[in-house]
Amino acid sequence: MDNEIKDMLVKLLEGQNRVQNEITGIKTEITGIKTEIIGMKTEIKKNSIELETIGKNINTVVEVQTAHKEQHDFLFKNTDALIDEKTDLIETAVKSISKDVNEVKEGVDVMKDVIGRPQIDIEMLKRRPV
């Protein structure tokens, strides 16, 4: 019976050693996992900082683009109004000039009738460069 107890104790001791070896292996793996987690946390912090920076840059770009759009719209409206104003002015000037030209034509026609068409045509041809 002593041998049986002794064999049982030896088997228990061997089992305990195996369990302890496995526990040591698990502790080693856990240490590796902890190291990886610390590295991941560092990378996550870096990425978070970079994302914040990118977000701020995007907001700045959006603000600048909005300002440019508002300025462009303002300038477009002003330019459009100026073009309309100038067009109206040119239209008025053309009407006035057209009226004046018609009056001059009428005056020339009257002069031709009074002086004589051939005589005026001859004088006009003399004044033109050859």
N, C-alpha and C. Protein backbone atom coordinates (compact mmCIF):
# COMPACT_ATOMS: atom_id res chain seq x y z
N MET A 1 0.81 -1.16 0.00
CA MET A 1 0.00 0.00 0.00
C MET A 1 0.87 1.25 0.00
N ASP A 2 1.96 1.21 0.63
CA ASP A 2 2.88 2.34 0.62
C ASP A 2 3.32 2.67 -0.80
N ASN A 3 3.56 1.64 -1.55
CA ASN A 3 3.96 1.87 -2.95
C ASN A 3 2.83 2.51 -3.75
N GLU A 4 1.64 2.11 -3.49
CA GLU A 4 0.50 2.69 -4.19
C GLU A 4 0.37 4.17 -3.83
N ILE A 5 0.48 4.47 -2.56
CA ILE A 5 0.40 5.86 -2.11
C ILE A 5 1.55 6.66 -2.72
N LYS A 6 2.72 6.02 -2.71
CA LYS A 6 3.90 6.67 -3.26
C LYS A 6 3.69 6.94 -4.77
N ASP A 7 3.17 5.98 -5.51
CA ASP A 7 2.91 6.16 -6.94
C ASP A 7 1.87 7.25 -7.18
N MET A 8 0.86 7.26 -6.33
CA MET A 8 -0.17 8.28 -6.44
C MET A 8 0.41 9.68 -6.18
N LEU A 9 1.26 9.76 -5.15
CA LEU A 9 1.88 11.05 -4.84
C LEU A 9 2.81 11.49 -5.96
N VAL A 10 3.51 10.56 -6.56
CA VAL A 10 4.40 10.88 -7.68
C VAL A 10 3.56 11.39 -8.86
N LYS A 11 2.46 10.72 -9.14
CA LYS A 11 1.59 11.13 -10.23
C LYS A 11 1.00 12.52 -9.96
N LEU A 12 0.60 12.74 -8.69
CA LEU A 12 0.08 14.06 -8.31
C LEU A 12 1.15 15.14 -8.52
N LEU A 13 2.37 14.82 -8.10
CA LEU A 13 3.48 15.77 -8.24
C LEU A 13 3.77 16.04 -9.72
N GLU A 14 3.75 15.00 -10.54
CA GLU A 14 3.98 15.17 -11.96
C GLU A 14 2.87 16.02 -12.58
N GLY A 15 1.63 15.78 -12.19
CA GLY A 15 0.48 16.56 -12.67
C GLY A 15 0.60 18.02 -12.25
N GLN A 16 1.04 18.20 -10.99
CA GLN A 16 1.21 19.57 -10.48
C GLN A 16 2.31 20.29 -11.28
N ASN A 17 3.37 19.60 -11.62
CA ASN A 17 4.45 20.20 -12.40
C ASN A 17 3.96 20.57 -13.80
N ARG A 18 3.16 19.71 -14.41
CA ARG A 18 2.61 20.01 -15.73
C ARG A 18 1.68 21.24 -15.67
N VAL A 19 0.85 21.26 -14.66
CA VAL A 19 -0.07 22.40 -14.51
C VAL A 19 0.74 23.68 -14.30
N GLN A 20 1.79 23.60 -13.47
CA GLN A 20 2.63 24.77 -13.21
C GLN A 20 3.35 25.21 -14.50
N ASN A 21 3.81 24.28 -15.30
CA ASN A 21 4.45 24.62 -16.58
C ASN A 21 3.46 25.30 -17.53
N GLU A 22 2.24 24.77 -17.54
CA GLU A 22 1.22 25.38 -18.38
C GLU A 22 0.88 26.79 -17.89
N ILE A 23 0.81 26.96 -16.59
CA ILE A 23 0.53 28.28 -16.01
C ILE A 23 1.65 29.24 -16.39
N THR A 24 2.90 28.78 -16.32
CA THR A 24 4.03 29.62 -16.71
C THR A 24 3.92 30.01 -18.18
N GLY A 25 3.55 29.08 -19.05
CA GLY A 25 3.35 29.36 -20.47
C GLY A 25 2.24 30.38 -20.69
N ILE A 26 1.16 30.22 -19.94
CA ILE A 26 0.03 31.15 -20.06
C ILE A 26 0.46 32.54 -19.60
N LYS A 27 1.24 32.61 -18.52
CA LYS A 27 1.73 33.91 -18.02
C LYS A 27 2.60 34.58 -19.09
N THR A 28 3.42 33.79 -19.76
CA THR A 28 4.28 34.33 -20.82
C THR A 28 3.42 34.88 -21.96
N GLU A 29 2.41 34.12 -22.34
CA GLU A 29 1.52 34.58 -23.41
C GLU A 29 0.77 35.85 -22.99
N ILE A 30 0.32 35.90 -21.75
CA ILE A 30 -0.39 37.07 -21.24
C ILE A 30 0.53 38.29 -21.26
N THR A 31 1.80 38.11 -20.89
CA THR A 31 2.76 39.21 -20.92
C THR A 31 2.91 39.72 -22.35
N GLY A 32 3.01 38.82 -23.32
CA GLY A 32 3.09 39.21 -24.73
C GLY A 32 1.84 39.96 -25.18
N ILE A 33 0.69 39.48 -24.76
CA ILE A 33 -0.57 40.13 -25.12
C ILE A 33 -0.62 41.53 -24.51
N LYS A 34 -0.18 41.66 -23.25
CA LYS A 34 -0.17 42.98 -22.61
C LYS A 34 0.73 43.95 -23.38
N THR A 35 1.89 43.46 -23.82
CA THR A 35 2.81 44.30 -24.60
C THR A 35 2.14 44.75 -25.90
N GLU A 36 1.47 43.83 -26.56
CA GLU A 36 0.77 44.17 -27.80
C GLU A 36 -0.34 45.19 -27.54
N ILE A 37 -1.06 45.03 -26.44
CA ILE A 37 -2.15 45.95 -26.10
C ILE A 37 -1.59 47.34 -25.84
N ILE A 38 -0.46 47.42 -25.13
CA ILE A 38 0.17 48.72 -24.88
C ILE A 38 0.56 49.37 -26.20
N GLY A 39 1.12 48.60 -27.12
CA GLY A 39 1.47 49.13 -28.45
C GLY A 39 0.24 49.60 -29.19
N MET A 40 -0.84 48.84 -29.10
CA MET A 40 -2.08 49.23 -29.77
C MET A 40 -2.64 50.52 -29.18
N LYS A 41 -2.58 50.64 -27.86
CA LYS A 41 -3.07 51.87 -27.21
C LYS A 41 -2.27 53.08 -27.70
N THR A 42 -0.96 52.89 -27.83
CA THR A 42 -0.11 53.99 -28.31
C THR A 42 -0.51 54.37 -29.73
N GLU A 43 -0.70 53.38 -30.59
CA GLU A 43 -1.11 53.64 -31.96
C GLU A 43 -2.49 54.31 -32.02
N ILE A 44 -3.39 53.86 -31.16
CA ILE A 44 -4.74 54.46 -31.12
C ILE A 44 -4.64 55.92 -30.72
N LYS A 45 -3.80 56.24 -29.74
CA LYS A 45 -3.62 57.64 -29.34
C LYS A 45 -3.06 58.47 -30.50
N LYS A 46 -2.05 57.91 -31.19
CA LYS A 46 -1.47 58.62 -32.34
C LYS A 46 -2.54 58.86 -33.40
N ASN A 47 -3.32 57.82 -33.70
CA ASN A 47 -4.37 57.95 -34.71
C ASN A 47 -5.43 58.96 -34.29
N SER A 48 -5.77 58.96 -33.01
CA SER A 48 -6.76 59.93 -32.51
C SER A 48 -6.25 61.35 -32.69
N ILE A 49 -4.98 61.58 -32.37
CA ILE A 49 -4.40 62.91 -32.53
C ILE A 49 -4.39 63.30 -34.01
N GLU A 50 -4.00 62.37 -34.86
CA GLU A 50 -3.98 62.65 -36.30
C GLU A 50 -5.38 62.94 -36.82
N LEU A 51 -6.38 62.17 -36.35
CA LEU A 51 -7.76 62.40 -36.78
C LEU A 51 -8.25 63.77 -36.33
N GLU A 52 -7.89 64.18 -35.12
CA GLU A 52 -8.27 65.51 -34.65
C GLU A 52 -7.65 66.58 -35.53
N THR A 53 -6.37 66.40 -35.86
CA THR A 53 -5.68 67.37 -36.72
C THR A 53 -6.34 67.42 -38.09
N ILE A 54 -6.63 66.27 -38.65
CA ILE A 54 -7.28 66.20 -39.96
C ILE A 54 -8.65 66.87 -39.90
N GLY A 55 -9.39 66.61 -38.82
CA GLY A 55 -10.71 67.24 -38.65
C GLY A 55 -10.60 68.75 -38.59
N LYS A 56 -9.62 69.26 -37.85
CA LYS A 56 -9.42 70.71 -37.78
C LYS A 56 -9.06 71.27 -39.15
N ASN A 57 -8.18 70.57 -39.86
CA ASN A 57 -7.79 71.02 -41.21
C ASN A 57 -8.99 71.05 -42.15
N ILE A 58 -9.82 70.03 -42.07
CA ILE A 58 -11.02 69.97 -42.92
C ILE A 58 -11.94 71.14 -42.58
N ASN A 59 -12.12 71.42 -41.29
CA ASN A 59 -12.97 72.55 -40.89
C ASN A 59 -12.41 73.86 -41.42
N THR A 60 -11.08 74.00 -41.37
CA THR A 60 -10.45 75.22 -41.90
C THR A 60 -10.70 75.33 -43.40
N VAL A 61 -10.53 74.23 -44.12
CA VAL A 61 -10.75 74.24 -45.57
C VAL A 61 -12.22 74.59 -45.87
N VAL A 62 -13.13 74.04 -45.10
CA VAL A 62 -14.55 74.32 -45.31
C VAL A 62 -14.83 75.81 -45.07
N GLU A 63 -14.25 76.36 -44.01
CA GLU A 63 -14.46 77.79 -43.72
C GLU A 63 -13.91 78.66 -44.85
N VAL A 64 -12.72 78.32 -45.33
CA VAL A 64 -12.10 79.10 -46.41
C VAL A 64 -12.95 78.98 -47.68
N GLN A 65 -13.37 77.77 -48.01
CA GLN A 65 -14.19 77.57 -49.20
C GLN A 65 -15.51 78.34 -49.10
N THR A 66 -16.11 78.35 -47.92
CA THR A 66 -17.35 79.08 -47.71
C THR A 66 -17.13 80.58 -47.91
N ALA A 67 -16.02 81.07 -47.35
CA ALA A 67 -15.69 82.49 -47.51
C ALA A 67 -15.47 82.84 -48.98
N HIS A 68 -14.77 81.96 -49.70
CA HIS A 68 -14.53 82.18 -51.13
C HIS A 68 -15.84 82.18 -51.90
N LYS A 69 -16.72 81.26 -51.57
CA LYS A 69 -18.01 81.18 -52.26
C LYS A 69 -18.81 82.44 -52.00
N GLU A 70 -18.85 82.89 -50.75
CA GLU A 70 -19.60 84.11 -50.43
C GLU A 70 -19.01 85.31 -51.17
N GLN A 71 -17.68 85.40 -51.19
CA GLN A 71 -17.02 86.50 -51.88
C GLN A 71 -17.32 86.42 -53.39
N HIS A 72 -17.24 85.22 -53.95
CA HIS A 72 -17.53 85.02 -55.37
C HIS A 72 -18.96 85.43 -55.69
N ASP A 73 -19.91 85.00 -54.86
CA ASP A 73 -21.31 85.36 -55.09
C ASP A 73 -21.50 86.88 -55.03
N PHE A 74 -20.87 87.52 -54.05
CA PHE A 74 -20.98 88.97 -53.90
C PHE A 74 -20.42 89.67 -55.14
N LEU A 75 -19.22 89.25 -55.55
CA LEU A 75 -18.59 89.87 -56.72
C LEU A 75 -19.40 89.62 -57.99
N PHE A 76 -19.95 88.43 -58.12
CA PHE A 76 -20.77 88.11 -59.29
C PHE A 76 -21.99 89.01 -59.35
N LYS A 77 -22.66 89.21 -58.21
CA LYS A 77 -23.84 90.07 -58.19
C LYS A 77 -23.46 91.50 -58.55
N ASN A 78 -22.34 91.98 -57.98
CA ASN A 78 -21.90 93.34 -58.29
C ASN A 78 -21.53 93.48 -59.76
N THR A 79 -20.82 92.50 -60.30
CA THR A 79 -20.42 92.54 -61.71
C THR A 79 -21.65 92.49 -62.61
N ASP A 80 -22.58 91.65 -62.24
CA ASP A 80 -23.81 91.53 -63.02
C ASP A 80 -24.57 92.86 -63.03
N ALA A 81 -24.66 93.50 -61.87
CA ALA A 81 -25.35 94.79 -61.78
C ALA A 81 -24.60 95.85 -62.59
N LEU A 82 -23.27 95.83 -62.51
CA LEU A 82 -22.46 96.79 -63.26
C LEU A 82 -22.64 96.59 -64.77
N ILE A 83 -22.65 95.34 -65.21
CA ILE A 83 -22.86 95.04 -66.63
C ILE A 83 -24.24 95.53 -67.08
N ASP A 84 -25.25 95.28 -66.26
CA ASP A 84 -26.59 95.76 -66.61
C ASP A 84 -26.61 97.29 -66.72
N GLU A 85 -25.96 97.95 -65.78
CA GLU A 85 -25.91 99.41 -65.78
C GLU A 85 -25.20 99.93 -67.03
N LYS A 86 -24.04 99.32 -67.33
CA LYS A 86 -23.27 99.75 -68.51
C LYS A 86 -24.04 99.45 -69.79
N THR A 87 -24.72 98.34 -69.85
CA THR A 87 -25.51 97.98 -71.03
C THR A 87 -26.62 99.00 -71.24
N ASP A 88 -27.28 99.38 -70.16
CA ASP A 88 -28.33 100.39 -70.28
C ASP A 88 -27.76 101.71 -70.78
N LEU A 89 -26.58 102.08 -70.25
CA LEU A 89 -25.93 103.32 -70.66
C LEU A 89 -25.56 103.27 -72.14
N ILE A 90 -24.98 102.14 -72.57
CA ILE A 90 -24.60 101.98 -73.98
C ILE A 90 -25.84 102.01 -74.87
N GLU A 91 -26.89 101.37 -74.42
CA GLU A 91 -28.13 101.34 -75.20
C GLU A 91 -28.67 102.76 -75.38
N THR A 92 -28.66 103.54 -74.32
CA THR A 92 -29.12 104.92 -74.40
C THR A 92 -28.24 105.74 -75.34
N ALA A 93 -26.91 105.53 -75.24
CA ALA A 93 -25.98 106.26 -76.11
C ALA A 93 -26.19 105.89 -77.57
N VAL A 94 -26.37 104.60 -77.86
CA VAL A 94 -26.59 104.16 -79.24
C VAL A 94 -27.88 104.75 -79.79
N LYS A 95 -28.93 104.80 -79.00
CA LYS A 95 -30.19 105.39 -79.46
C LYS A 95 -30.00 106.88 -79.77
N SER A 96 -29.26 107.55 -78.88
CA SER A 96 -29.02 108.98 -79.09
C SER A 96 -28.18 109.21 -80.34
N ILE A 97 -27.12 108.43 -80.51
CA ILE A 97 -26.26 108.56 -81.70
C ILE A 97 -27.03 108.23 -82.96
N SER A 98 -27.86 107.20 -82.90
CA SER A 98 -28.67 106.81 -84.06
C SER A 98 -29.60 107.94 -84.45
N LYS A 99 -30.20 108.58 -83.47
CA LYS A 99 -31.09 109.71 -83.73
C LYS A 99 -30.32 110.85 -84.38
N ASP A 100 -29.10 111.15 -83.81
CA ASP A 100 -28.26 112.22 -84.36
C ASP A 100 -27.84 111.90 -85.80
N VAL A 101 -27.46 110.67 -86.08
CA VAL A 101 -27.05 110.26 -87.43
C VAL A 101 -28.21 110.43 -88.40
N ASN A 102 -29.39 110.04 -87.98
CA ASN A 102 -30.57 110.20 -88.85
C ASN A 102 -30.82 111.68 -89.16
N GLU A 103 -30.65 112.52 -88.16
CA GLU A 103 -30.82 113.96 -88.38
C GLU A 103 -29.77 114.50 -89.36
N VAL A 104 -28.51 114.04 -89.19
CA VAL A 104 -27.45 114.47 -90.10
C VAL A 104 -27.74 114.00 -91.52
N LYS A 105 -28.22 112.75 -91.66
CA LYS A 105 -28.57 112.23 -92.99
C LYS A 105 -29.65 113.10 -93.64
N GLU A 106 -30.63 113.43 -92.83
CA GLU A 106 -31.70 114.27 -93.37
C GLU A 106 -31.14 115.62 -93.82
N GLY A 107 -30.22 116.18 -93.00
CA GLY A 107 -29.61 117.46 -93.34
C GLY A 107 -28.80 117.36 -94.62
N VAL A 108 -28.05 116.29 -94.80
CA VAL A 108 -27.24 116.08 -96.00
C VAL A 108 -28.15 115.92 -97.20
N ASP A 109 -29.23 115.18 -97.03
CA ASP A 109 -30.17 115.00 -98.14
C ASP A 109 -30.77 116.35 -98.57
N VAL A 110 -31.09 117.17 -97.59
CA VAL A 110 -31.65 118.50 -97.89
C VAL A 110 -30.59 119.33 -98.62
N MET A 111 -29.34 119.28 -98.14
CA MET A 111 -28.25 120.04 -98.77
C MET A 111 -28.02 119.56 -100.20
N LYS A 112 -28.09 118.27 -100.39
CA LYS A 112 -27.90 117.73 -101.75
C LYS A 112 -28.98 118.24 -102.68
N ASP A 113 -30.21 118.30 -102.16
CA ASP A 113 -31.31 118.79 -102.98
C ASP A 113 -31.12 120.27 -103.30
N VAL A 114 -30.62 121.04 -102.30
CA VAL A 114 -30.46 122.48 -102.50
C VAL A 114 -29.26 122.76 -103.40
N ILE A 115 -28.10 122.16 -103.11
CA ILE A 115 -26.87 122.45 -103.84
C ILE A 115 -26.79 121.64 -105.12
N GLY A 116 -27.29 120.49 -105.08
CA GLY A 116 -27.22 119.63 -106.26
C GLY A 116 -26.38 118.41 -105.93
N ARG A 117 -26.93 117.29 -106.18
CA ARG A 117 -26.28 116.02 -105.85
C ARG A 117 -24.95 115.85 -106.57
N PRO A 118 -24.86 116.09 -107.83
CA PRO A 118 -23.58 115.86 -108.51
C PRO A 118 -22.46 116.71 -107.93
N GLN A 119 -22.76 117.95 -107.60
CA GLN A 119 -21.73 118.83 -107.06
C GLN A 119 -21.20 118.30 -105.72
N ILE A 120 -22.05 117.83 -104.84
CA ILE A 120 -21.65 117.30 -103.52
C ILE A 120 -20.87 116.01 -103.71
N ASP A 121 -21.33 115.16 -104.62
CA ASP A 121 -20.61 113.90 -104.87
C ASP A 121 -19.19 114.18 -105.36
N ILE A 122 -19.04 115.20 -106.22
CA ILE A 122 -17.70 115.57 -106.73
C ILE A 122 -16.83 116.07 -105.59
N GLU A 123 -17.38 116.90 -104.72
CA GLU A 123 -16.61 117.44 -103.60
C GLU A 123 -16.21 116.33 -102.63
N MET A 124 -17.06 115.39 -102.44
CA MET A 124 -16.74 114.26 -101.53
C MET A 124 -15.64 113.41 -102.12
N LEU A 125 -15.70 113.18 -103.43
CA LEU A 125 -14.67 112.37 -104.06
C LEU A 125 -13.31 113.08 -104.03
N LYS A 126 -13.29 114.42 -104.13
CA LYS A 126 -12.05 115.18 -104.07
C LYS A 126 -11.40 115.04 -102.69
N ARG A 127 -12.15 114.96 -101.65
CA ARG A 127 -11.62 114.91 -100.29
C ARG A 127 -11.11 113.52 -99.89
N ARG A 128 -11.52 112.50 -100.56
CA ARG A 128 -11.10 111.15 -100.22
C ARG A 128 -9.70 110.90 -100.75
N PRO A 129 -8.85 110.26 -99.93
CA PRO A 129 -7.51 109.95 -100.41
C PRO A 129 -7.57 108.83 -101.46
N VAL A 130 -6.65 108.88 -102.39
CA VAL A 130 -6.63 107.90 -103.48
C VAL A 130 -5.78 106.73 -103.10
